């Protein structure tokens, strides 16, 4: 049986949230890099 104390449940939830936030941050940085690349290509085409 797993530990179901309130402290344990809260700790597990905090760890899950931290992992989720790190994943979201990584996705956002990837999207920003892609947008920057597209912007550079568009600027080079205009020249």
N, C-alpha and C. Protein backbone atom coordinates (compact mmCIF):
# COMPACT_ATOMS: atom_id res chain seq x y z
N UNK A 1 0.83 -1.19 0.00
CA UNK A 1 0.00 0.00 0.00
C UNK A 1 0.88 1.26 0.00
N UNK A 2 0.45 2.25 -0.72
CA UNK A 2 1.19 3.49 -0.77
C UNK A 2 0.85 4.40 0.39
N UNK A 3 1.72 5.36 0.60
CA UNK A 3 1.51 6.34 1.68
C UNK A 3 0.47 7.35 1.22
N UNK A 4 -0.61 7.48 1.97
CA UNK A 4 -1.68 8.42 1.61
C UNK A 4 -1.83 9.55 2.62
N UNK A 5 -0.76 9.84 3.34
CA UNK A 5 -0.84 10.95 4.30
C UNK A 5 -0.95 12.25 3.52
N UNK A 6 -1.58 13.27 4.11
CA UNK A 6 -1.73 14.56 3.39
C UNK A 6 -0.40 15.15 2.93
N UNK A 7 0.63 15.00 3.77
CA UNK A 7 1.95 15.53 3.40
C UNK A 7 2.50 14.81 2.18
N UNK A 8 2.33 13.51 2.14
CA UNK A 8 2.82 12.71 1.01
C UNK A 8 2.08 13.07 -0.27
N UNK A 9 0.78 13.19 -0.15
CA UNK A 9 -0.04 13.53 -1.32
C UNK A 9 0.34 14.91 -1.85
N UNK A 10 0.54 15.85 -0.95
CA UNK A 10 0.90 17.21 -1.35
C UNK A 10 2.28 17.22 -2.02
N UNK A 11 3.22 16.46 -1.48
CA UNK A 11 4.57 16.40 -2.04
C UNK A 11 4.53 15.82 -3.45
N UNK A 12 3.76 14.75 -3.62
CA UNK A 12 3.65 14.11 -4.92
C UNK A 12 3.02 15.07 -5.94
N UNK A 13 2.00 15.81 -5.52
CA UNK A 13 1.34 16.77 -6.41
C UNK A 13 2.30 17.89 -6.80
N UNK A 14 3.11 18.34 -5.86
CA UNK A 14 4.08 19.41 -6.14
C UNK A 14 5.12 18.93 -7.14
N UNK A 15 5.58 17.69 -6.98
CA UNK A 15 6.57 17.14 -7.91
C UNK A 15 5.98 17.01 -9.31
N UNK A 16 4.73 16.57 -9.38
CA UNK A 16 4.06 16.42 -10.67
C UNK A 16 3.91 17.78 -11.35
N UNK A 17 3.54 18.80 -10.57
CA UNK A 17 3.37 20.15 -11.12
C UNK A 17 4.70 20.70 -11.62
N UNK A 18 5.76 20.47 -10.87
CA UNK A 18 7.09 20.94 -11.27
C UNK A 18 7.52 20.30 -12.59
N UNK A 19 7.28 19.00 -12.70
CA UNK A 19 7.63 18.28 -13.93
C UNK A 19 6.82 18.82 -15.11
N UNK A 20 5.54 19.08 -14.88
CA UNK A 20 4.66 19.61 -15.92
C UNK A 20 5.12 21.01 -16.35
N UNK A 21 5.48 21.85 -15.38
CA UNK A 21 5.93 23.20 -15.69
C UNK A 21 7.23 23.18 -16.50
N UNK A 22 8.13 22.26 -16.15
CA UNK A 22 9.39 22.16 -16.89
C UNK A 22 9.11 21.73 -18.33
N UNK A 23 8.17 20.83 -18.51
CA UNK A 23 7.81 20.37 -19.84
C UNK A 23 7.21 21.51 -20.66
N UNK A 24 6.31 22.28 -20.03
CA UNK A 24 5.70 23.42 -20.72
C UNK A 24 6.74 24.46 -21.11
N UNK A 25 7.69 24.70 -20.22
CA UNK A 25 8.73 25.68 -20.49
C UNK A 25 9.58 25.24 -21.67
N UNK A 26 9.88 23.95 -21.73
CA UNK A 26 10.68 23.42 -22.83
C UNK A 26 9.92 23.55 -24.16
N UNK A 27 8.63 23.26 -24.13
CA UNK A 27 7.81 23.39 -25.35
C UNK A 27 7.75 24.84 -25.81
N UNK A 28 7.60 25.76 -24.86
CA UNK A 28 7.52 27.18 -25.21
C UNK A 28 8.83 27.67 -25.84
N UNK A 29 9.96 27.22 -25.29
CA UNK A 29 11.24 27.65 -25.86
C UNK A 29 11.43 27.08 -27.26
N UNK A 30 10.94 25.88 -27.49
CA UNK A 30 11.03 25.29 -28.82
C UNK A 30 10.17 26.08 -29.80
N UNK A 31 8.98 26.45 -29.39
CA UNK A 31 8.09 27.23 -30.24
C UNK A 31 8.71 28.59 -30.56
N UNK A 32 9.32 29.22 -29.54
CA UNK A 32 9.96 30.52 -29.76
C UNK A 32 11.11 30.40 -30.76
N UNK A 33 11.86 29.33 -30.66
CA UNK A 33 12.98 29.12 -31.59
C UNK A 33 12.46 28.94 -33.02
N UNK A 34 11.36 28.20 -33.15
CA UNK A 34 10.79 28.00 -34.48
C UNK A 34 10.27 29.31 -35.06
N UNK A 35 9.62 30.12 -34.23
CA UNK A 35 9.10 31.40 -34.71
C UNK A 35 10.24 32.34 -35.11
N UNK A 36 11.32 32.31 -34.34
CA UNK A 36 12.47 33.16 -34.67
C UNK A 36 13.07 32.74 -36.00
N UNK A 37 13.14 31.44 -36.23
CA UNK A 37 13.69 30.93 -37.49
C UNK A 37 12.80 31.35 -38.66
N UNK A 38 11.49 31.24 -38.48
CA UNK A 38 10.56 31.66 -39.55
C UNK A 38 10.68 33.14 -39.82
N UNK A 39 10.83 33.94 -38.79
CA UNK A 39 10.95 35.39 -38.95
C UNK A 39 12.23 35.73 -39.72
N UNK A 40 13.33 35.04 -39.39
CA UNK A 40 14.59 35.29 -40.11
C UNK A 40 14.45 34.94 -41.58
N UNK A 41 13.82 33.80 -41.87
CA UNK A 41 13.65 33.41 -43.27
C UNK A 41 12.79 34.41 -44.02
N UNK A 42 11.73 34.89 -43.38
CA UNK A 42 10.86 35.87 -44.03
C UNK A 42 11.61 37.16 -44.28
N UNK A 43 12.44 37.58 -43.35
CA UNK A 43 13.22 38.82 -43.51
C UNK A 43 14.23 38.65 -44.65
N UNK A 44 14.83 37.48 -44.75
CA UNK A 44 15.81 37.26 -45.81
C UNK A 44 15.15 37.22 -47.18
N UNK A 45 13.93 36.74 -47.26
CA UNK A 45 13.23 36.69 -48.54
C UNK A 45 12.89 38.10 -49.03
N UNK A 46 12.63 39.02 -48.11
CA UNK A 46 12.27 40.39 -48.48
C UNK A 46 13.44 41.16 -49.06
N UNK A 47 14.65 40.76 -48.69
CA UNK A 47 15.85 41.49 -49.15
C UNK A 47 16.12 41.31 -50.60
